[in-house]
Amino acid sequence: MRLVIAEGSAILRAGLAHVLGDRGHELAAAVHDARVLPALVDTHRPDVLIANVRLAPTWDDEGVGAALAARDAHPGTGVLLFSSAPEPQHVARLFAGDGSGLGYLLQDRMTDTDGLMGALSQVAGGGTVVDPRMVGALAAGAGARPDGGAASGLGLLSERELEVLTLMAQGRTNSAIAERLIVSAGTVEKRVAAVFDKLNIPGSPGDNRRVLAVLRYLTDRHAAQVNTIDFTRERRRRMLERVA
């Protein structure tokens, strides 16, 4: 497949180029600056864009913005992002859509050749790849909304279905969920199926429905938390203005 790499470290960039070239892939470009990516994607039309979340010029979140721009301009482009640590805001931005043809790994997985090749194949085929440690770390910080309400997409689920999805987000298998909730495995399977159905999670061969459901859970929770923080800041600002 044809690839474009965006990575700030010259050593890692060269290493990825060498490994991918040895596996028979075509490297169209390898850069460190997000500002050149739109033109490169337009010119080379890569099957997959591999990018670090943090790129020049500011080393903040340019990789995420470049990935989303590439998807908007060329919807068939696969995107494999990676970062040194789980970053909820970046995951939420990347997977705000349907999640097809997207991947997010922690950086040390990029040096695992077999794992990297597998992730690339899944992403190029329209699948979804998320580092399990990423999901676990995000789930650990995904608490309930301060007002006790349900996030918009999750409001479709019953209390029991949301309970099952929350445990899925913690990386638990169906059998582990059944043991935790003291119900039968069949009951858990029915609730998991209901979660997929109500959240409209696709069941095509290229999709991992558990991953997509967990991503929906995490992105909705994150969006709810951000909205609550923004509301609190705005309310505090208005109170200060009245005092002044």
C-alpha atoms as a PDB file:
ATOM      1  CA  MET A   1       0.000   0.000   0.000  1.00  0.00           C
ATOM      2  CA  ARG A   2       1.029   3.631  -0.463  1.00  0.00           C
ATOM      3  CA  LEU A   3       1.873   5.443   2.776  1.00  0.00           C
ATOM      4  CA  VAL A   4       2.698   8.916   4.073  1.00  0.00           C
ATOM      5  CA  ILE A   5       4.496   9.219   7.425  1.00  0.00           C
ATOM      6  CA  ALA A   6       4.485  12.298   9.663  1.00  0.00           C
ATOM      7  CA  GLU A   7       6.777  11.995  12.695  1.00  0.00           C
ATOM      8  CA  GLY A   8       8.949  14.569  14.457  1.00  0.00           C
ATOM      9  CA  SER A   9      11.794  12.244  15.446  1.00  0.00           C
ATOM     10  CA  ALA A  10      14.173  11.703  12.533  1.00  0.00           C
ATOM     11  CA  ILE A  11      15.269   8.370  14.032  1.00  0.00           C
ATOM     12  CA  LEU A  12      11.745   6.984  14.401  1.00  0.00           C
ATOM     13  CA  ARG A  13      10.751   8.388  11.017  1.00  0.00           C
ATOM     14  CA  ALA A  14      13.681   6.637   9.331  1.00  0.00           C
ATOM     15  CA  GLY A  15      13.007   3.434  11.262  1.00  0.00           C
ATOM     16  CA  LEU A  16       9.374   3.327  10.189  1.00  0.00           C
ATOM     17  CA  ALA A  17      10.344   4.018   6.587  1.00  0.00           C
ATOM     18  CA  HIS A  18      12.886   1.186   6.645  1.00  0.00           C
ATOM     19  CA  VAL A  19      10.510  -1.369   8.212  1.00  0.00           C
ATOM     20  CA  LEU A  20       7.587  -0.495   5.970  1.00  0.00           C
ATOM     21  CA  GLY A  21       9.764  -0.497   2.857  1.00  0.00           C
ATOM     22  CA  ASP A  22      11.128  -3.929   3.752  1.00  0.00           C
ATOM     23  CA  ARG A  23       7.562  -5.219   3.985  1.00  0.00           C
ATOM     24  CA  GLY A  24       6.893  -4.113   0.424  1.00  0.00           C
ATOM     25  CA  HIS A  25       4.953  -0.921   1.071  1.00  0.00           C
ATOM     26  CA  GLU A  26       5.457   2.235  -0.981  1.00  0.00           C
ATOM     27  CA  LEU A  27       6.555   5.233   1.068  1.00  0.00           C
ATOM     28  CA  ALA A  28       5.349   8.337  -0.770  1.00  0.00           C
ATOM     29  CA  ALA A  29       6.703  10.841   1.774  1.00  0.00           C
ATOM     30  CA  ALA A  30       8.088  11.093   5.319  1.00  0.00           C
ATOM     31  CA  VAL A  31       7.907  14.519   6.989  1.00  0.00           C
ATOM     32  CA  HIS A  32       7.872  16.185  10.410  1.00  0.00           C
ATOM     33  CA  ASP A  33       5.709  19.261   9.739  1.00  0.00           C
ATOM     34  CA  ALA A  34       1.912  19.051   9.672  1.00  0.00           C
ATOM     35  CA  ARG A  35       1.673  22.085   7.410  1.00  0.00           C
ATOM     36  CA  VAL A  36       2.879  20.139   4.356  1.00  0.00           C
ATOM     37  CA  LEU A  37       0.510  17.194   4.850  1.00  0.00           C
ATOM     38  CA  PRO A  38      -2.549  18.556   2.954  1.00  0.00           C
ATOM     39  CA  ALA A  39      -0.494  18.999  -0.222  1.00  0.00           C
ATOM     40  CA  LEU A  40       1.188  15.602   0.188  1.00  0.00           C
ATOM     41  CA  VAL A  41      -2.115  13.814   0.679  1.00  0.00           C
ATOM     42  CA  ASP A  42      -3.596  15.628  -2.335  1.00  0.00           C
ATOM     43  CA  THR A  43      -0.608  14.683  -4.485  1.00  0.00           C
ATOM     44  CA  HIS A  44       0.071  11.101  -3.420  1.00  0.00           C
ATOM     45  CA  ARG A  45      -3.387   9.930  -2.283  1.00  0.00           C
ATOM     46  CA  PRO A  46      -1.965   7.476   0.277  1.00  0.00           C
ATOM     47  CA  ASP A  47      -3.912   4.429   1.381  1.00  0.00           C
ATOM     48  CA  VAL A  48      -2.963   5.269   4.960  1.00  0.00           C
ATOM     49  CA  LEU A  49      -1.565   8.367   6.651  1.00  0.00           C
ATOM     50  CA  ILE A  50       0.618   7.451   9.644  1.00  0.00           C
ATOM     51  CA  ALA A  51       1.069  10.415  11.960  1.00  0.00           C
ATOM     52  CA  ASN A  52       2.186  11.322  15.448  1.00  0.00           C
ATOM     53  CA  VAL A  53      -0.364  13.392  17.340  1.00  0.00           C
ATOM     54  CA  ARG A  54       2.324  15.999  18.044  1.00  0.00           C
ATOM     55  CA  LEU A  55       3.993  17.548  15.004  1.00  0.00           C
ATOM     56  CA  ALA A  56       5.714  20.777  14.001  1.00  0.00           C
ATOM     57  CA  PRO A  57       5.276  23.684  14.084  1.00  0.00           C
ATOM     58  CA  THR A  58       3.963  23.831  17.690  1.00  0.00           C
ATOM     59  CA  TRP A  59       4.237  20.140  18.694  1.00  0.00           C
ATOM     60  CA  ASP A  60       0.748  20.225  20.154  1.00  0.00           C
ATOM     61  CA  ASP A  61      -2.047  18.379  18.324  1.00  0.00           C
ATOM     62  CA  GLU A  62      -1.287  19.157  14.680  1.00  0.00           C
ATOM     63  CA  GLY A  63      -1.315  15.456  13.820  1.00  0.00           C
ATOM     64  CA  VAL A  64      -4.970  15.137  14.779  1.00  0.00           C
ATOM     65  CA  GLY A  65      -5.948  18.205  12.761  1.00  0.00           C
ATOM     66  CA  ALA A  66      -4.001  16.989   9.742  1.00  0.00           C
ATOM     67  CA  ALA A  67      -5.625  13.557   9.962  1.00  0.00           C
ATOM     68  CA  LEU A  68      -9.122  15.017  10.117  1.00  0.00           C
ATOM     69  CA  ALA A  69      -8.348  17.356   7.225  1.00  0.00           C
ATOM     70  CA  ALA A  70      -7.073  14.435   5.143  1.00  0.00           C
ATOM     71  CA  ARG A  71     -10.268  12.491   5.848  1.00  0.00           C
ATOM     72  CA  ASP A  72     -12.436  15.472   4.917  1.00  0.00           C
ATOM     73  CA  ALA A  73     -10.595  16.029   1.643  1.00  0.00           C
ATOM     74  CA  HIS A  74     -10.246  12.334   0.771  1.00  0.00           C
ATOM     75  CA  PRO A  75     -12.771  10.203   2.709  1.00  0.00           C
ATOM     76  CA  GLY A  76     -11.173   6.906   1.656  1.00  0.00           C
ATOM     77  CA  THR A  77      -7.851   7.718   3.310  1.00  0.00           C
ATOM     78  CA  GLY A  78      -6.995   5.510   6.267  1.00  0.00           C
ATOM     79  CA  VAL A  79      -5.450   7.194   9.306  1.00  0.00           C
ATOM     80  CA  LEU A  80      -3.188   5.603  11.918  1.00  0.00           C
ATOM     81  CA  LEU A  81      -2.344   8.042  14.703  1.00  0.00           C
ATOM     82  CA  PHE A  82       0.001   7.356  17.589  1.00  0.00           C
ATOM     83  CA  SER A  83       1.070   9.129  20.746  1.00  0.00           C
ATOM     84  CA  SER A  84       3.357   8.592  23.712  1.00  0.00           C
ATOM     85  CA  ALA A  85       0.456   8.501  26.197  1.00  0.00           C
ATOM     86  CA  PRO A  86      -3.367   8.219  26.134  1.00  0.00           C
ATOM     87  CA  GLU A  87      -4.901  11.617  25.423  1.00  0.00           C
ATOM     88  CA  PRO A  88      -8.718  11.619  25.757  1.00  0.00           C
ATOM     89  CA  GLN A  89      -9.329  14.849  23.872  1.00  0.00           C
ATOM     90  CA  HIS A  90      -7.460  13.600  20.818  1.00  0.00           C
ATOM     91  CA  VAL A  91      -9.206  10.233  20.802  1.00  0.00           C
ATOM     92  CA  ALA A  92     -12.580  11.993  21.088  1.00  0.00           C
ATOM     93  CA  ARG A  93     -11.810  14.230  18.113  1.00  0.00           C
ATOM     94  CA  LEU A  94     -10.546  11.401  15.924  1.00  0.00           C
ATOM     95  CA  PHE A  95     -13.400   9.005  16.580  1.00  0.00           C
ATOM     96  CA  ALA A  96     -16.244  11.529  16.600  1.00  0.00           C
ATOM     97  CA  GLY A  97     -17.500   9.968  13.337  1.00  0.00           C
ATOM     98  CA  ASP A  98     -18.099   6.328  12.447  1.00  0.00           C
ATOM     99  CA  GLY A  99     -14.538   5.195  13.242  1.00  0.00           C
ATOM    100  CA  SER A 100     -14.024   3.230  10.025  1.00  0.00           C
ATOM    101  CA  GLY A 101     -10.507   3.269   8.605  1.00  0.00           C
ATOM    102  CA  LEU A 102      -9.062   4.788  11.782  1.00  0.00           C
ATOM    103  CA  GLY A 103      -6.453   3.615  14.260  1.00  0.00           C
ATOM    104  CA  TYR A 104      -4.870   5.012  17.436  1.00  0.00           C
ATOM    105  CA  LEU A 105      -1.871   3.315  19.040  1.00  0.00           C
ATOM    106  CA  LEU A 106       0.575   4.118  21.789  1.00  0.00           C
ATOM    107  CA  GLN A 107       4.014   4.922  20.426  1.00  0.00           C
ATOM    108  CA  ASP A 108       5.831   1.801  21.608  1.00  0.00           C
ATOM    109  CA  ARG A 109       3.504  -0.309  19.457  1.00  0.00           C
ATOM    110  CA  MET A 110       4.993   1.376  16.379  1.00  0.00           C
ATOM    111  CA  THR A 111       8.219  -0.569  16.898  1.00  0.00           C
ATOM    112  CA  ASP A 112       6.357  -3.907  17.063  1.00  0.00           C
ATOM    113  CA  THR A 113       6.612  -4.837  13.398  1.00  0.00           C
ATOM    114  CA  ASP A 114       3.961  -7.549  13.321  1.00  0.00           C
ATOM    115  CA  GLY A 115       1.536  -5.469  15.362  1.00  0.00           C
ATOM    116  CA  LEU A 116       2.120  -2.441  13.159  1.00  0.00           C
ATOM    117  CA  MET A 117       1.545  -4.442   9.975  1.00  0.00           C
ATOM    118  CA  GLY A 118      -1.663  -5.867  11.390  1.00  0.00           C
ATOM    119  CA  ALA A 119      -2.920  -2.428  12.401  1.00  0.00           C
ATOM    120  CA  LEU A 120      -2.123  -1.009   8.965  1.00  0.00           C
ATOM    121  CA  SER A 121      -3.984  -3.813   7.212  1.00  0.00           C
ATOM    122  CA  GLN A 122      -7.056  -3.300   9.375  1.00  0.00           C
ATOM    123  CA  VAL A 123      -7.072   0.461   8.893  1.00  0.00           C
ATOM    124  CA  ALA A 124      -6.506   0.202   5.126  1.00  0.00           C
ATOM    125  CA  GLY A 125      -9.417  -2.230   4.941  1.00  0.00           C
ATOM    126  CA  GLY A 126     -11.774   0.182   6.675  1.00  0.00           C
ATOM    127  CA  GLY A 127     -11.468  -1.386  10.132  1.00  0.00           C
ATOM    128  CA  THR A 128     -10.921   0.248  13.505  1.00  0.00           C
ATOM    129  CA  VAL A 129      -7.820  -0.237  15.663  1.00  0.00           C
ATOM    130  CA  VAL A 130      -7.334   1.057  19.194  1.00  0.00           C
ATOM    131  CA  ASP A 131      -4.499   0.133  21.529  1.00  0.00           C
ATOM    132  CA  PRO A 132      -6.104  -1.815  24.413  1.00  0.00           C
ATOM    133  CA  ARG A 133      -4.070   0.204  26.920  1.00  0.00           C
ATOM    134  CA  MET A 134      -5.548   3.353  25.416  1.00  0.00           C
ATOM    135  CA  VAL A 135      -9.102   2.151  25.975  1.00  0.00           C
ATOM    136  CA  GLY A 136      -8.305   1.014  29.494  1.00  0.00           C
ATOM    137  CA  ALA A 137      -6.708   4.312  30.459  1.00  0.00           C
ATOM    138  CA  LEU A 138      -9.536   6.335  28.972  1.00  0.00           C
ATOM    139  CA  ALA A 139     -12.204   4.218  30.617  1.00  0.00           C
ATOM    140  CA  ALA A 140     -10.535   4.657  34.003  1.00  0.00           C
ATOM    141  CA  GLY A 141     -11.043   8.409  33.711  1.00  0.00           C
ATOM    142  CA  ALA A 142     -14.518   8.346  32.202  1.00  0.00           C
ATOM    143  CA  GLY A 143     -16.772   9.056  35.136  1.00  0.00           C
ATOM    144  CA  ALA A 144     -20.436   9.889  35.245  1.00  0.00           C
ATOM    145  CA  ARG A 145     -21.647  13.391  34.458  1.00  0.00           C
ATOM    146  CA  PRO A 146     -21.687  15.699  37.462  1.00  0.00           C
ATOM    147  CA  ASP A 147     -25.421  16.387  36.969  1.00  0.00           C
ATOM    148  CA  GLY A 148     -26.206  12.675  37.012  1.00  0.00           C
ATOM    149  CA  GLY A 149     -27.664  12.762  33.495  1.00  0.00           C
ATOM    150  CA  ALA A 150     -26.793  10.646  30.488  1.00  0.00           C
ATOM    151  CA  ALA A 151     -24.659  11.846  27.606  1.00  0.00           C
ATOM    152  CA  SER A 152     -26.652  12.366  24.419  1.00  0.00           C
ATOM    153  CA  GLY A 153     -25.732   9.180  22.551  1.00  0.00           C
ATOM    154  CA  LEU A 154     -25.879   7.030  25.672  1.00  0.00           C
ATOM    155  CA  GLY A 155     -29.336   8.243  26.666  1.00  0.00           C
ATOM    156  CA  LEU A 156     -30.814   5.586  24.380  1.00  0.00           C
ATOM    157  CA  LEU A 157     -29.533   2.818  26.651  1.00  0.00           C
ATOM    158  CA  SER A 158     -31.297   1.368  29.658  1.00  0.00           C
ATOM    159  CA  GLU A 159     -29.576   1.451  33.028  1.00  0.00           C
ATOM    160  CA  ARG A 160     -28.574  -2.212  32.681  1.00  0.00           C
ATOM    161  CA  GLU A 161     -27.282  -1.744  29.127  1.00  0.00           C
ATOM    162  CA  LEU A 162     -25.206   1.257  30.175  1.00  0.00           C
ATOM    163  CA  GLU A 163     -23.825  -0.798  33.050  1.00  0.00           C
ATOM    164  CA  VAL A 164     -22.717  -3.501  30.591  1.00  0.00           C
ATOM    165  CA  LEU A 165     -21.152  -0.929  28.245  1.00  0.00           C
ATOM    166  CA  THR A 166     -19.273   0.673  31.145  1.00  0.00           C
ATOM    167  CA  LEU A 167     -17.759  -2.707  32.031  1.00  0.00           C
ATOM    168  CA  MET A 168     -16.915  -3.312  28.357  1.00  0.00           C
ATOM    169  CA  ALA A 169     -15.048   0.004  28.413  1.00  0.00           C
ATOM    170  CA  GLN A 170     -12.980  -1.341  31.294  1.00  0.00           C
ATOM    171  CA  GLY A 171     -11.836  -4.192  29.044  1.00  0.00           C
ATOM    172  CA  ARG A 172     -13.975  -6.928  30.628  1.00  0.00           C
ATOM    173  CA  THR A 173     -15.105  -9.949  28.618  1.00  0.00           C
ATOM    174  CA  ASN A 174     -18.724 -11.104  28.542  1.00  0.00           C
ATOM    175  CA  SER A 175     -17.989 -13.844  31.077  1.00  0.00           C
ATOM    176  CA  ALA A 176     -16.299 -11.352  33.416  1.00  0.00           C
ATOM    177  CA  ILE A 177     -19.255  -8.978  33.062  1.00  0.00           C
ATOM    178  CA  ALA A 178     -21.675 -11.808  33.849  1.00  0.00           C
ATOM    179  CA  GLU A 179     -19.712 -12.676  36.979  1.00  0.00           C
ATOM    180  CA  ARG A 180     -19.537  -9.050  38.100  1.00  0.00           C
ATOM    181  CA  LEU A 181     -23.278  -8.429  37.589  1.00  0.00           C
ATOM    182  CA  ILE A 182     -24.286 -11.889  38.834  1.00  0.00           C
ATOM    183  CA  VAL A 183     -26.288 -12.689  35.701  1.00  0.00           C
ATOM    184  CA  SER A 184     -26.054 -15.390  33.053  1.00  0.00           C
ATOM    185  CA  ALA A 185     -23.748 -15.162  30.048  1.00  0.00           C
ATOM    186  CA  GLY A 186     -26.838 -15.229  27.835  1.00  0.00           C
ATOM    187  CA  THR A 187     -28.224 -12.154  29.574  1.00  0.00           C
ATOM    188  CA  VAL A 188     -24.974 -10.286  28.984  1.00  0.00           C
ATOM    189  CA  GLU A 189     -24.977 -11.278  25.318  1.00  0.00           C
ATOM    190  CA  LYS A 190     -28.518  -9.930  24.914  1.00  0.00           C
ATOM    191  CA  ARG A 191     -27.583  -6.637  26.576  1.00  0.00           C
ATOM    192  CA  VAL A 192     -24.428  -6.292  24.456  1.00  0.00           C
ATOM    193  CA  ALA A 193     -26.518  -6.908  21.325  1.00  0.00           C
ATOM    194  CA  ALA A 194     -28.991  -4.249  22.500  1.00  0.00           C
ATOM    195  CA  VAL A 195     -26.116  -1.792  22.981  1.00  0.00           C
ATOM    196  CA  PHE A 196     -24.902  -2.396  19.421  1.00  0.00           C
ATOM    197  CA  ASP A 197     -28.421  -2.005  18.061  1.00  0.00           C
ATOM    198  CA  LYS A 198     -29.367   1.165  19.962  1.00  0.00           C
ATOM    199  CA  LEU A 199     -26.046   2.885  19.237  1.00  0.00           C
ATOM    200  CA  ASN A 200     -26.274   1.806  15.580  1.00  0.00           C
ATOM    201  CA  ILE A 201     -22.885   0.096  15.696  1.00  0.00           C
ATOM    202  CA  PRO A 202     -22.264  -1.545  12.279  1.00  0.00           C
ATOM    203  CA  GLY A 203     -21.680  -5.276  12.055  1.00  0.00           C
ATOM    204  CA  SER A 204     -19.588  -5.452   8.879  1.00  0.00           C
ATOM    205  CA  PRO A 205     -16.584  -7.843   8.805  1.00  0.00           C
ATOM    206  CA  GLY A 206     -14.092  -4.966   8.980  1.00  0.00           C
ATOM    207  CA  ASP A 207     -15.538  -3.517  12.177  1.00  0.00           C
ATOM    208  CA  ASN A 208     -14.831  -4.497  15.774  1.00  0.00           C
ATOM    209  CA  ARG A 209     -18.213  -3.739  17.311  1.00  0.00           C
ATOM    210  CA  ARG A 210     -16.965  -3.828  20.916  1.00  0.00           C
ATOM    211  CA  VAL A 211     -14.238  -1.288  20.098  1.00  0.00           C
ATOM    212  CA  LEU A 212     -16.686   0.998  18.288  1.00  0.00           C
ATOM    213  CA  ALA A 213     -19.196   0.793  21.150  1.00  0.00           C
ATOM    214  CA  VAL A 214     -16.512   1.593  23.713  1.00  0.00           C
ATOM    215  CA  LEU A 215     -15.292   4.516  21.611  1.00  0.00           C
ATOM    216  CA  ARG A 216     -18.842   5.862  21.460  1.00  0.00           C
ATOM    217  CA  TYR A 217     -19.022   5.559  25.241  1.00  0.00           C
ATOM    218  CA  LEU A 218     -15.713   7.327  25.756  1.00  0.00           C
ATOM    219  CA  THR A 219     -16.295  10.143  23.265  1.00  0.00           C
ATOM    220  CA  ASP A 220     -19.799  10.841  24.604  1.00  0.00           C
ATOM    221  CA  ARG A 221     -18.534  10.853  28.187  1.00  0.00           C
ATOM    222  CA  HIS A 222     -15.676  13.153  27.222  1.00  0.00           C
ATOM    223  CA  ALA A 223     -18.012  15.512  25.370  1.00  0.00           C
ATOM    224  CA  ALA A 224     -20.317  15.655  28.392  1.00  0.00           C
ATOM    225  CA  GLN A 225     -17.411  16.469  30.693  1.00  0.00           C
ATOM    226  CA  VAL A 226     -16.129  19.203  28.348  1.00  0.00           C
ATOM    227  CA  ASN A 227     -19.599  20.755  28.095  1.00  0.00           C
ATOM    228  CA  THR A 228     -19.925  20.726  31.889  1.00  0.00           C
ATOM    229  CA  ILE A 229     -16.522  22.392  32.292  1.00  0.00           C
ATOM    230  CA  ASP A 230     -17.408  25.038  29.684  1.00  0.00           C
ATOM    231  CA  PHE A 231     -20.761  25.715  31.423  1.00  0.00           C
ATOM    232  CA  THR A 232     -19.056  26.057  34.810  1.00  0.00           C
ATOM    233  CA  ARG A 233     -16.478  28.480  33.421  1.00  0.00           C
ATOM    234  CA  GLU A 234     -19.169  30.584  31.754  1.00  0.00           C
ATOM    235  CA  ARG A 235     -21.271  30.692  34.938  1.00  0.00           C
ATOM    236  CA  ARG A 236     -18.195  31.727  36.961  1.00  0.00           C
ATOM    237  CA  ARG A 237     -17.371  34.445  34.424  1.00  0.00           C
ATOM    238  CA  ARG A 238     -20.917  35.886  34.655  1.00  0.00           C
ATOM    239  CA  MET A 239     -20.799  35.863  38.456  1.00  0.00           C
ATOM    240  CA  LEU A 240     -17.482  37.761  38.422  1.00  0.00           C
ATOM    241  CA  GLU A 241     -18.921  40.313  36.007  1.00  0.00           C
ATOM    242  CA  ARG A 242     -21.896  40.908  38.293  1.00  0.00           C
ATOM    243  CA  VAL A 243     -19.580  41.361  41.277  1.00  0.00           C
ATOM    244  CA  ALA A 244     -17.406  43.782  39.356  1.00  0.00           C
END
